[in-house]
Amino acid sequence: MAQQACPFLSIDPSGQDLYGEISRIRARGPAVEVELPGGVRAWWISGLELNKRLLAGPETSKDAFQHWPAWINGDISRTWPLAIWVSVRNMVTAYGSDHTRLRKPMAAAFTKRRVDALLPRVQEIVDRALDALERIPEGEVVDLRAAFAAPVPHEVVCELFGVPPGQDGPRAALYRIISRFFDTAISLEDAQANAVDLYGTLTAFLQHKREHPADDLTTALIAARDEGSLSEQELMDNLILLLTAGFETTVNLIDNTVHSLLAHPGQLDLVRSGQATWEDALEESLRFEAPGAMSGLRYAVEDIEIEPGLTIPKGDPLVVSFAGAGRDPERHGPDAGRFDVTRGTSRDHLSFGHGVHHCLGRPLAMAEATAALTSLFTRFPRLELADPAHPPKRLRSIISTGHEELPVLLHGRDPHRSPEEGEAEVEAEVEAEAEVEGEVEAEAEVEGEVEAEGQGEAIRKPSGRRGTRGTRAPRG
């Protein structure tokens, strides 16, 4: 059996110090027991290679109904705020032959033909969102996440699944529900109300699609249900997976990549000058800031020896940390916490999963993000962060990695400045902030090392500085 020398580390459900927590966990070892929101204990895995091993092999499962005794026996209440991440029955939580059975109709739905046919429409959606941005008065601070990064993937995924538009229909309802779905600091009451709202909305939507079939993925999944390939519950839960994953992660990819490029103007210049590609920027963003920080819970199907003297017991839950893997210094070097579009290891990340659970929607997500980024920076070449010295507040989540808001100036602080002057000013502001962040990260590593020696303090940190919420730009 595994031995744990120190008290359990308690993960902040708001996710405001995610990478500080990961640094302290990493300092303790390759597999560390932590306490998740709601008091549930699990093993946290931060290293890239170990995460790959646990994702690819049969020694772990995501099926709580088969392989998590605490869930099966009722020790974990069905009212746990994060219960919906465990209780859904879809291809991601399925194991073995069930996973193969459920993945097959999804793979058929995400064919290259269907994705390629959607690409012109993706560009139209991007262009229409940019047209709306152009109508915003010059000098006004714009929340780019709300005005661009979120609407584009939302409209794409809704068209892909045939979700009808309208403020009173399921499209608007799903936008509201999904935004709360990933909130891991949510109250029990709000989590339960959101789950009821989600299943009610999808039930009505499925009834509508059965009455109005079309050439979309929902109709294809209903056909698979009618053919006996999946149950009604599996149909519903796979829709939850596809609608949430197809939306939130792509929103975060666009949000995070824009933020990283604007916070590091020298990196943006490498892309604009052709020394790096937009694909390089996206892959580095996926590594540096995984859109999904973790892959829900997995469970040990058998005793798993991590190293001599450290074994995860059969039936224990564990967290595969995509965020931790992306910044693993053993793979990405001592500067793994630095955004670098020329990094040779950028593509070695887990943001689209690994092994049999690799993401079917990767081609569409990358196509959406590429269209969004190239069009955005072409249309608004002077785009800047509204307040570069103060990072925007992170989402309240240990699962979804993005920002509550992304305040920007579409035409820069001063339209009459040269791009070089603007970049120099932003670089100076960001460097000042980086010095502070570096001190905080170094402090986190030291805290982790001290805790590893036996002090065992809970890793809870106050929220970072809030992003600007003003309506006008700060003036220098």
Protein backbone atom coordinates (compact mmCIF):
# COMPACT_ATOMS: atom_id res chain seq x y z
CA MET A 1 0.00 0.00 0.00
CA ALA A 2 1.11 3.56 -0.65
CA GLN A 3 2.52 5.58 2.20
CA GLN A 4 1.69 9.28 2.53
CA ALA A 5 4.08 11.19 4.79
CA CYS A 6 2.23 14.51 4.94
CA PRO A 7 -1.36 15.64 5.38
CA PHE A 8 -3.46 15.94 2.27
CA LEU A 9 -3.02 19.07 0.19
CA SER A 10 -6.31 20.90 -0.28
CA ILE A 11 -7.00 22.15 -3.81
CA ASP A 12 -8.58 25.60 -4.05
CA PRO A 13 -11.87 25.05 -5.93
CA SER A 14 -11.66 28.51 -7.49
CA GLY A 15 -8.51 27.60 -9.43
CA GLN A 16 -6.99 31.04 -8.91
CA ASP A 17 -3.52 29.69 -8.10
CA LEU A 18 -3.59 26.57 -10.25
CA TYR A 19 0.04 26.62 -11.38
CA GLY A 20 1.29 27.57 -7.93
CA GLU A 21 -0.54 24.54 -6.54
CA ILE A 22 0.86 22.32 -9.29
CA SER A 23 4.40 23.50 -8.47
CA ARG A 24 3.92 22.60 -4.82
CA ILE A 25 2.42 19.24 -5.71
CA ARG A 26 5.25 18.48 -8.13
CA ALA A 27 7.79 19.21 -5.39
CA ARG A 28 6.28 16.40 -3.32
CA GLY A 29 6.61 13.69 -5.92
CA PRO A 30 5.17 12.10 -9.07
CA ALA A 31 1.86 11.08 -7.42
CA VAL A 32 0.52 13.06 -4.46
CA GLU A 33 -2.74 12.64 -2.55
CA VAL A 34 -4.83 15.83 -2.53
CA GLU A 35 -8.26 16.87 -1.34
CA LEU A 36 -10.57 18.01 -4.14
CA PRO A 37 -13.54 20.37 -3.74
CA GLY A 38 -16.16 18.73 -1.55
CA GLY A 39 -13.60 16.82 0.50
CA VAL A 40 -12.98 14.00 -2.01
CA ARG A 41 -9.43 12.66 -1.94
CA ALA A 42 -7.52 11.68 -5.08
CA TRP A 43 -4.00 11.18 -6.38
CA TRP A 44 -2.67 14.09 -8.45
CA ILE A 45 -0.34 13.23 -11.34
CA SER A 46 1.70 16.14 -12.76
CA GLY A 47 4.42 14.61 -14.96
CA LEU A 48 3.99 14.29 -18.71
CA GLU A 49 5.31 10.75 -19.20
CA LEU A 50 3.48 9.30 -16.20
CA ASN A 51 0.25 10.92 -17.35
CA LYS A 52 0.75 9.42 -20.82
CA ARG A 53 1.26 6.00 -19.30
CA LEU A 54 -1.90 6.25 -17.21
CA LEU A 55 -3.95 7.56 -20.14
CA ALA A 56 -2.79 4.95 -22.63
CA GLY A 57 -2.87 1.76 -20.60
CA PRO A 58 -5.66 -0.41 -19.16
CA GLU A 59 -4.56 0.14 -15.55
CA THR A 60 -6.86 3.16 -15.16
CA SER A 61 -10.53 3.67 -15.99
CA LYS A 62 -12.96 6.62 -16.05
CA ASP A 63 -15.98 4.44 -15.27
CA ALA A 64 -16.87 5.21 -11.64
CA PHE A 65 -19.72 2.69 -11.75
CA GLN A 66 -17.23 -0.14 -12.36
CA HIS A 67 -13.99 0.97 -10.74
CA TRP A 68 -14.56 3.51 -7.93
CA PRO A 69 -15.71 1.60 -4.82
CA ALA A 70 -16.42 4.82 -2.89
CA TRP A 71 -18.90 5.85 -5.61
CA ILE A 72 -20.40 2.37 -5.99
CA ASN A 73 -20.90 1.98 -2.23
CA GLY A 74 -22.39 5.43 -1.77
CA ASP A 75 -19.50 6.79 0.29
CA ILE A 76 -19.35 9.65 -2.22
CA SER A 77 -22.73 11.35 -2.18
CA ARG A 78 -24.65 11.88 -5.41
CA THR A 79 -25.05 15.44 -4.14
CA TRP A 80 -21.27 16.06 -4.35
CA PRO A 81 -20.94 19.39 -6.25
CA LEU A 82 -18.77 17.71 -8.91
CA ALA A 83 -20.94 14.58 -9.16
CA ILE A 84 -22.04 15.28 -12.73
CA TRP A 85 -18.44 14.78 -13.84
CA VAL A 86 -18.66 11.24 -12.47
CA SER A 87 -22.28 10.24 -13.07
CA VAL A 88 -22.47 10.88 -16.84
CA ARG A 89 -22.36 7.79 -19.06
CA ASN A 90 -20.56 8.75 -22.27
CA MET A 91 -17.60 7.68 -24.36
CA VAL A 92 -15.11 9.55 -22.12
CA THR A 93 -16.28 7.83 -18.93
CA ALA A 94 -16.67 4.42 -20.59
CA TYR A 95 -14.11 1.63 -20.24
CA GLY A 96 -12.99 -1.16 -22.56
CA SER A 97 -15.58 -2.46 -25.02
CA ASP A 98 -18.14 0.11 -23.86
CA HIS A 99 -15.76 2.88 -24.83
CA THR A 100 -15.26 1.35 -28.27
CA ARG A 101 -19.03 0.98 -28.75
CA LEU A 102 -19.80 4.58 -27.75
CA ARG A 103 -16.90 6.15 -29.61
CA LYS A 104 -17.78 4.54 -32.95
CA PRO A 105 -20.89 6.65 -33.77
CA MET A 106 -19.10 9.79 -32.56
CA ALA A 107 -16.13 9.10 -34.82
CA ALA A 108 -18.49 8.57 -37.75
CA ALA A 109 -20.07 11.93 -36.99
CA PHE A 110 -16.73 13.80 -36.94
CA THR A 111 -15.62 12.73 -40.40
CA LYS A 112 -13.13 14.83 -42.36
CA ARG A 113 -15.82 15.43 -44.97
CA ARG A 114 -18.19 16.92 -42.42
CA VAL A 115 -15.48 19.07 -40.83
CA ASP A 116 -14.15 20.30 -44.21
CA ALA A 117 -17.66 21.19 -45.31
CA LEU A 118 -18.06 23.33 -42.20
CA LEU A 119 -14.85 25.38 -42.64
CA PRO A 120 -16.29 28.07 -44.97
CA ARG A 121 -19.12 28.55 -42.50
CA VAL A 122 -16.59 28.86 -39.66
CA GLN A 123 -14.90 31.71 -41.52
CA GLU A 124 -18.26 33.41 -42.06
CA ILE A 125 -19.00 33.20 -38.34
CA VAL A 126 -15.57 34.63 -37.51
CA ASP A 127 -15.99 37.48 -39.99
CA ARG A 128 -19.43 38.38 -38.66
CA ALA A 129 -18.08 38.53 -35.09
CA LEU A 130 -15.24 40.79 -36.26
CA ASP A 131 -17.70 43.04 -38.07
CA ALA A 132 -19.52 43.52 -34.77
CA LEU A 133 -16.24 44.42 -33.05
CA GLU A 134 -15.51 47.06 -35.66
CA ARG A 135 -18.66 48.91 -34.65
CA ILE A 136 -17.37 49.43 -31.09
CA PRO A 137 -16.17 53.03 -30.46
CA GLU A 138 -12.41 53.48 -30.58
CA GLY A 139 -10.78 53.62 -27.14
CA GLU A 140 -13.44 51.53 -25.41
CA VAL A 141 -12.26 48.52 -23.46
CA VAL A 142 -13.70 45.32 -24.94
CA ASP A 143 -14.07 41.96 -23.22
CA LEU A 144 -12.73 39.87 -26.09
CA ARG A 145 -13.74 36.59 -24.45
CA ALA A 146 -17.41 37.60 -24.32
CA ALA A 147 -17.40 39.45 -27.64
CA PHE A 148 -15.34 37.07 -29.78
CA ALA A 149 -13.66 34.03 -28.18
CA ALA A 150 -16.96 32.62 -26.86
CA PRO A 151 -19.53 33.49 -29.56
CA VAL A 152 -17.53 31.95 -32.42
CA PRO A 153 -17.17 28.37 -31.01
CA HIS A 154 -20.68 28.53 -29.55
CA GLU A 155 -22.22 29.27 -32.93
CA VAL A 156 -20.06 26.68 -34.68
CA VAL A 157 -20.92 23.85 -32.27
CA CYS A 158 -24.61 24.78 -32.30
CA GLU A 159 -24.70 24.64 -36.10
CA LEU A 160 -22.80 21.35 -36.09
CA PHE A 161 -25.41 19.82 -33.79
CA GLY A 162 -28.42 21.61 -35.26
CA VAL A 163 -29.26 23.61 -32.13
CA PRO A 164 -31.86 26.18 -33.22
CA PRO A 165 -31.09 29.88 -32.62
CA GLY A 166 -33.21 32.33 -30.65
CA GLN A 167 -33.02 34.01 -27.26
CA ASP A 168 -35.74 31.77 -25.84
CA GLY A 169 -34.47 28.53 -27.37
CA PRO A 170 -31.92 25.86 -26.40
CA ARG A 171 -28.98 27.72 -27.99
CA ALA A 172 -29.18 30.61 -25.51
CA ALA A 173 -29.97 28.24 -22.64
CA LEU A 174 -26.96 26.04 -23.36
CA TYR A 175 -24.66 29.07 -23.49
CA ARG A 176 -25.79 30.01 -19.98
CA ILE A 177 -25.69 26.45 -18.60
CA ILE A 178 -22.25 25.55 -19.97
CA SER A 179 -20.72 28.69 -18.47
CA ARG A 180 -21.70 27.32 -15.02
CA PHE A 181 -20.94 23.68 -15.83
CA PHE A 182 -17.18 24.15 -15.33
CA ASP A 183 -17.43 26.27 -12.16
CA THR A 184 -15.83 24.06 -9.50
CA ALA A 185 -16.39 26.66 -6.78
CA ILE A 186 -20.15 26.51 -7.34
CA SER A 187 -22.47 25.83 -4.39
CA LEU A 188 -24.20 22.48 -4.04
CA GLU A 189 -27.59 24.09 -4.65
CA ASP A 190 -26.46 25.90 -7.79
CA ALA A 191 -24.70 22.80 -9.13
CA GLN A 192 -27.83 20.70 -8.72
CA ALA A 193 -30.04 23.40 -10.25
CA ASN A 194 -27.68 23.67 -13.22
CA ALA A 195 -27.75 19.89 -13.76
CA VAL A 196 -31.56 19.90 -13.73
CA ASP A 197 -31.55 22.81 -16.18
CA LEU A 198 -29.06 21.01 -18.43
CA TYR A 199 -30.99 17.73 -18.65
CA GLY A 200 -34.29 19.54 -19.06
CA THR A 201 -32.93 21.65 -21.91
CA LEU A 202 -31.43 18.63 -23.68
CA THR A 203 -34.60 16.57 -23.28
CA ALA A 204 -36.62 19.29 -24.99
CA PHE A 205 -33.94 19.71 -27.65
CA LEU A 206 -33.87 15.99 -28.47
CA GLN A 207 -37.65 15.97 -28.80
CA HIS A 208 -37.37 18.89 -31.23
CA LYS A 209 -34.71 17.09 -33.30
CA ARG A 210 -36.78 13.92 -33.47
CA GLU A 211 -39.62 15.98 -34.88
CA HIS A 212 -37.30 18.01 -37.15
CA PRO A 213 -34.41 15.78 -38.30
CA ALA A 214 -31.67 17.36 -40.42
CA ASP A 215 -28.14 16.79 -41.68
CA ASP A 216 -26.46 17.42 -38.31
CA LEU A 217 -24.69 15.46 -35.61
CA THR A 218 -27.65 15.28 -33.24
CA THR A 219 -29.78 13.62 -35.91
CA ALA A 220 -26.92 11.18 -36.57
CA LEU A 221 -26.70 10.32 -32.87
CA ILE A 222 -30.47 9.85 -32.63
CA ALA A 223 -30.21 7.41 -35.56
CA ALA A 224 -27.50 5.51 -33.67
CA ARG A 225 -29.81 5.40 -30.65
CA ASP A 226 -32.67 4.08 -32.77
CA GLU A 227 -30.39 1.39 -34.21
CA GLY A 228 -29.53 0.23 -30.69
CA SER A 229 -25.92 1.44 -30.64
CA LEU A 230 -26.49 3.47 -27.47
CA SER A 231 -29.14 3.98 -24.82
CA GLU A 232 -31.21 7.13 -24.27
CA GLN A 233 -29.03 8.02 -21.26
CA GLU A 234 -25.88 7.50 -23.30
CA LEU A 235 -27.33 9.66 -26.10
CA MET A 236 -28.04 12.44 -23.62
CA ASP A 237 -24.68 12.21 -21.84
CA ASN A 238 -22.68 12.07 -25.05
CA LEU A 239 -24.44 15.25 -26.15
CA ILE A 240 -23.40 16.83 -22.85
CA LEU A 241 -19.81 15.81 -23.54
CA LEU A 242 -19.75 17.01 -27.14
CA LEU A 243 -21.56 20.30 -26.55
CA THR A 244 -19.48 21.25 -23.52
CA ALA A 245 -16.10 20.04 -24.79
CA GLY A 246 -16.75 21.43 -28.27
CA PHE A 247 -17.49 24.83 -26.80
CA GLU A 248 -15.57 25.58 -23.60
CA THR A 249 -12.19 24.20 -24.60
CA THR A 250 -12.17 26.05 -27.93
CA VAL A 251 -13.22 29.28 -26.19
CA ASN A 252 -10.29 28.85 -23.81
CA LEU A 253 -7.88 28.04 -26.63
CA ILE A 254 -8.72 31.29 -28.43
CA ASP A 255 -8.82 33.30 -25.18
CA ASN A 256 -5.51 31.93 -23.86
CA THR A 257 -3.65 32.21 -27.15
CA VAL A 258 -4.70 35.83 -27.71
CA HIS A 259 -3.77 36.69 -24.14
CA SER A 260 -0.37 34.98 -24.33
CA LEU A 261 0.50 36.65 -27.64
CA LEU A 262 -0.55 40.09 -26.42
CA ALA A 263 1.26 39.62 -23.11
CA HIS A 264 4.41 38.63 -25.02
CA PRO A 265 4.57 40.99 -28.03
CA GLY A 266 7.95 39.63 -29.05
CA GLN A 267 6.34 36.22 -29.59
CA LEU A 268 3.55 37.78 -31.63
CA ASP A 269 6.17 39.50 -33.76
CA LEU A 270 7.83 36.14 -34.47
CA VAL A 271 4.53 34.88 -35.86
CA ARG A 272 3.80 38.02 -37.86
CA SER A 273 7.30 38.01 -39.37
CA GLY A 274 7.01 34.37 -40.45
CA GLN A 275 9.69 33.09 -38.04
CA ALA A 276 6.95 31.02 -36.41
CA THR A 277 3.53 29.96 -37.64
CA TRP A 278 0.06 30.40 -36.19
CA GLU A 279 0.06 26.65 -35.65
CA ASP A 280 3.26 27.05 -33.59
CA ALA A 281 1.49 29.67 -31.47
CA LEU A 282 -1.54 27.44 -30.94
CA GLU A 283 0.52 24.38 -30.03
CA GLU A 284 2.59 26.38 -27.55
CA SER A 285 -0.60 27.82 -26.08
CA LEU A 286 -2.02 24.30 -25.70
CA ARG A 287 1.13 23.31 -23.82
CA PHE A 288 1.53 26.50 -21.79
CA GLU A 289 -2.13 26.93 -20.82
CA ALA A 290 -4.08 23.70 -21.37
CA PRO A 291 -7.73 24.69 -22.13
CA GLY A 292 -8.82 21.83 -19.91
CA ALA A 293 -6.59 21.63 -16.85
CA MET A 294 -7.56 18.07 -15.97
CA SER A 295 -9.46 15.13 -17.39
CA GLY A 296 -12.01 14.55 -14.68
CA LEU A 297 -11.26 11.57 -12.44
CA ARG A 298 -9.73 8.24 -13.36
CA TYR A 299 -9.65 5.14 -11.13
CA ALA A 300 -7.01 2.52 -10.53
CA VAL A 301 -8.24 -0.76 -12.02
CA GLU A 302 -5.42 -2.51 -10.19
CA ASP A 303 -2.63 -1.54 -7.80
CA ILE A 304 -0.39 0.82 -9.79
CA GLU A 305 3.27 1.02 -8.83
CA ILE A 306 4.51 4.52 -9.63
CA GLU A 307 8.01 3.93 -8.29
CA PRO A 308 9.52 1.71 -5.61
CA GLY A 309 7.69 2.47 -2.37
CA LEU A 310 4.88 4.43 -4.03
CA THR A 311 1.78 2.56 -5.16
CA ILE A 312 -1.71 3.84 -5.96
CA PRO A 313 -4.11 1.25 -4.49
CA LYS A 314 -6.75 -0.40 -6.64
CA GLY A 315 -9.98 1.62 -6.60
CA ASP A 316 -8.39 4.94 -5.69
CA PRO A 317 -9.30 7.97 -7.83
CA LEU A 318 -6.60 9.97 -9.54
CA VAL A 319 -6.30 13.23 -11.47
CA VAL A 320 -4.49 13.37 -14.81
CA SER A 321 -3.26 16.95 -14.84
CA PHE A 322 -3.02 18.26 -18.40
CA ALA A 323 -1.91 21.62 -16.99
CA GLY A 324 0.86 19.98 -15.00
CA ALA A 325 2.03 17.87 -17.93
CA GLY A 326 2.27 20.94 -20.16
CA ARG A 327 4.67 22.63 -17.77
CA ASP A 328 6.67 19.56 -16.80
CA PRO A 329 10.30 20.77 -16.49
CA GLU A 330 11.60 17.26 -17.10
CA ARG A 331 10.22 17.44 -20.64
CA HIS A 332 10.04 21.15 -21.41
CA GLY A 333 13.07 22.37 -19.47
CA PRO A 334 13.54 24.75 -16.55
CA ASP A 335 11.71 27.49 -18.49
CA ALA A 336 8.56 25.38 -18.94
CA GLY A 337 6.60 28.24 -17.38
CA ARG A 338 7.57 30.60 -20.21
CA PHE A 339 5.52 31.12 -23.40
CA ASP A 340 7.79 30.49 -26.41
CA VAL A 341 6.36 29.91 -29.90
CA THR A 342 9.72 28.54 -31.10
CA ARG A 343 9.94 25.90 -28.37
CA GLY A 344 10.95 22.55 -29.82
CA THR A 345 8.72 20.55 -27.46
CA SER A 346 5.53 22.62 -27.84
CA ARG A 347 3.59 19.81 -29.49
CA ASP A 348 4.30 17.39 -26.67
CA HIS A 349 1.24 18.15 -24.55
CA LEU A 350 -1.96 16.38 -23.49
CA SER A 351 -4.52 19.09 -24.23
CA PHE A 352 -6.27 16.82 -26.74
CA GLY A 353 -5.89 13.73 -24.59
CA HIS A 354 -3.78 10.69 -25.37
CA GLY A 355 -4.22 7.07 -26.43
CA VAL A 356 -7.73 5.74 -26.93
CA HIS A 357 -9.20 8.89 -25.39
CA HIS A 358 -7.61 11.36 -27.83
CA CYS A 359 -10.04 14.11 -28.83
CA LEU A 360 -12.13 13.50 -31.94
CA GLY A 361 -12.77 17.23 -32.31
CA ARG A 362 -9.12 18.27 -32.57
CA PRO A 363 -9.19 19.09 -36.33
CA LEU A 364 -12.27 21.27 -35.94
CA ALA A 365 -10.96 23.04 -32.82
CA MET A 366 -7.64 23.83 -34.49
CA ALA A 367 -9.40 25.04 -37.64
CA GLU A 368 -11.69 27.31 -35.61
CA ALA A 369 -8.84 28.74 -33.56
CA THR A 370 -6.65 29.30 -36.64
CA ALA A 371 -9.42 31.14 -38.48
CA ALA A 372 -10.18 33.20 -35.38
CA LEU A 373 -6.58 34.21 -34.67
CA THR A 374 -5.45 35.00 -38.19
CA SER A 375 -8.58 37.02 -38.93
CA LEU A 376 -8.51 38.86 -35.59
CA PHE A 377 -4.91 40.04 -35.86
CA THR A 378 -5.37 40.94 -39.54
CA ARG A 379 -8.46 43.02 -38.83
CA PHE A 380 -7.02 44.62 -35.67
CA PRO A 381 -3.22 44.85 -36.08
CA ARG A 382 -2.89 47.26 -33.12
CA LEU A 383 -4.80 44.99 -30.71
CA GLU A 384 -3.45 45.34 -27.15
CA LEU A 385 -4.28 44.25 -23.65
CA ALA A 386 -6.17 47.01 -21.85
CA ASP A 387 -4.02 46.67 -18.73
CA PRO A 388 -0.91 44.57 -19.46
CA ALA A 389 0.54 44.88 -15.97
CA HIS A 390 -2.48 43.19 -14.35
CA PRO A 391 -3.43 39.73 -15.65
CA PRO A 392 -7.17 39.14 -16.08
CA LYS A 393 -8.86 37.05 -13.41
CA ARG A 394 -8.98 33.33 -14.09
CA LEU A 395 -12.17 31.30 -14.39
CA ARG A 396 -13.46 29.81 -11.13
CA SER A 397 -12.45 26.32 -12.03
CA ILE A 398 -9.84 23.62 -11.58
CA ILE A 399 -11.09 22.03 -14.81
CA SER A 400 -11.51 24.87 -17.30
CA THR A 401 -8.48 27.10 -17.88
CA GLY A 402 -9.32 30.55 -19.19
CA HIS A 403 -10.25 34.03 -18.05
CA GLU A 404 -13.47 35.49 -16.72
CA GLU A 405 -12.82 38.46 -18.98
CA LEU A 406 -10.16 39.38 -21.53
CA PRO A 407 -10.11 43.22 -21.60
CA VAL A 408 -8.46 44.59 -24.75
CA LEU A 409 -8.15 47.74 -26.83
CA LEU A 410 -8.94 46.90 -30.45
CA HIS A 411 -6.96 49.84 -31.83
CA GLY A 412 -4.31 50.16 -29.14
CA ARG A 413 -3.86 52.88 -26.56
CA ASP A 414 -2.83 55.51 -29.06
CA PRO A 415 -3.77 54.98 -32.72
CA HIS A 416 -1.02 57.42 -33.72
CA ARG A 417 1.80 55.47 -32.11
CA SER A 418 3.93 53.24 -34.28
CA PRO A 419 3.57 49.48 -33.65
CA GLU A 420 7.19 49.46 -32.44
CA GLU A 421 6.45 52.08 -29.77
CA GLY A 422 3.38 50.18 -28.66
CA GLU A 423 5.27 46.91 -28.39
CA ALA A 424 8.08 48.53 -26.38
CA GLU A 425 5.60 49.96 -23.88
CA VAL A 426 3.75 46.68 -23.47
CA GLU A 427 7.01 44.72 -23.14
CA ALA A 428 8.13 47.04 -20.32
CA GLU A 429 4.83 46.64 -18.46
CA VAL A 430 4.80 42.87 -18.92
CA GLU A 431 8.43 42.50 -17.83
CA ALA A 432 7.62 44.33 -14.60
CA GLU A 433 4.72 41.97 -13.98
CA ALA A 434 6.86 38.95 -14.92
CA GLU A 435 9.33 39.84 -12.19
CA VAL A 436 6.50 39.70 -9.66
CA GLU A 437 5.17 36.43 -11.11
CA GLY A 438 8.67 34.96 -11.02
CA GLU A 439 8.98 35.77 -7.35
CA VAL A 440 5.59 34.17 -6.67
CA GLU A 441 6.49 30.99 -8.61
CA ALA A 442 9.82 30.74 -6.83
CA GLU A 443 8.02 31.16 -3.51
CA ALA A 444 5.58 28.42 -4.51
CA GLU A 445 8.41 26.03 -5.31
CA VAL A 446 10.12 26.77 -2.01
CA GLU A 447 6.81 26.28 -0.16
CA GLY A 448 6.37 22.96 -1.92
CA GLU A 449 9.85 21.82 -0.96
CA VAL A 450 9.30 22.85 2.64
CA GLU A 451 5.95 21.07 2.76
CA ALA A 452 7.54 17.98 1.24
CA GLU A 453 9.87 17.94 4.23
CA GLY A 454 6.89 17.53 6.52
CA GLN A 455 5.17 20.81 7.29
CA GLY A 456 2.15 19.85 5.14
CA GLU A 457 0.24 23.13 5.00
CA ALA A 458 -2.91 23.22 2.86
CA ILE A 459 -2.25 24.87 -0.49
CA ARG A 460 -4.76 27.67 -0.53
CA LYS A 461 -3.78 31.02 -1.97
CA PRO A 462 -5.81 34.20 -2.30
CA SER A 463 -7.09 35.09 -5.73
CA GLY A 464 -4.73 36.91 -8.06
CA ARG A 465 -5.18 40.54 -8.94
CA ARG A 466 -8.42 41.27 -10.72
CA GLY A 467 -8.50 42.23 -14.36
CA THR A 468 -9.70 45.67 -15.31
CA ARG A 469 -13.44 46.16 -15.44
CA GLY A 470 -13.40 49.79 -16.55
CA THR A 471 -15.00 50.99 -19.75
CA ARG A 472 -12.09 53.18 -20.85
CA ALA A 473 -8.43 52.46 -21.27
CA PRO A 474 -5.87 53.49 -18.65
CA ARG A 475 -3.77 56.27 -20.07
CA GLY A 476 -0.05 56.59 -19.59
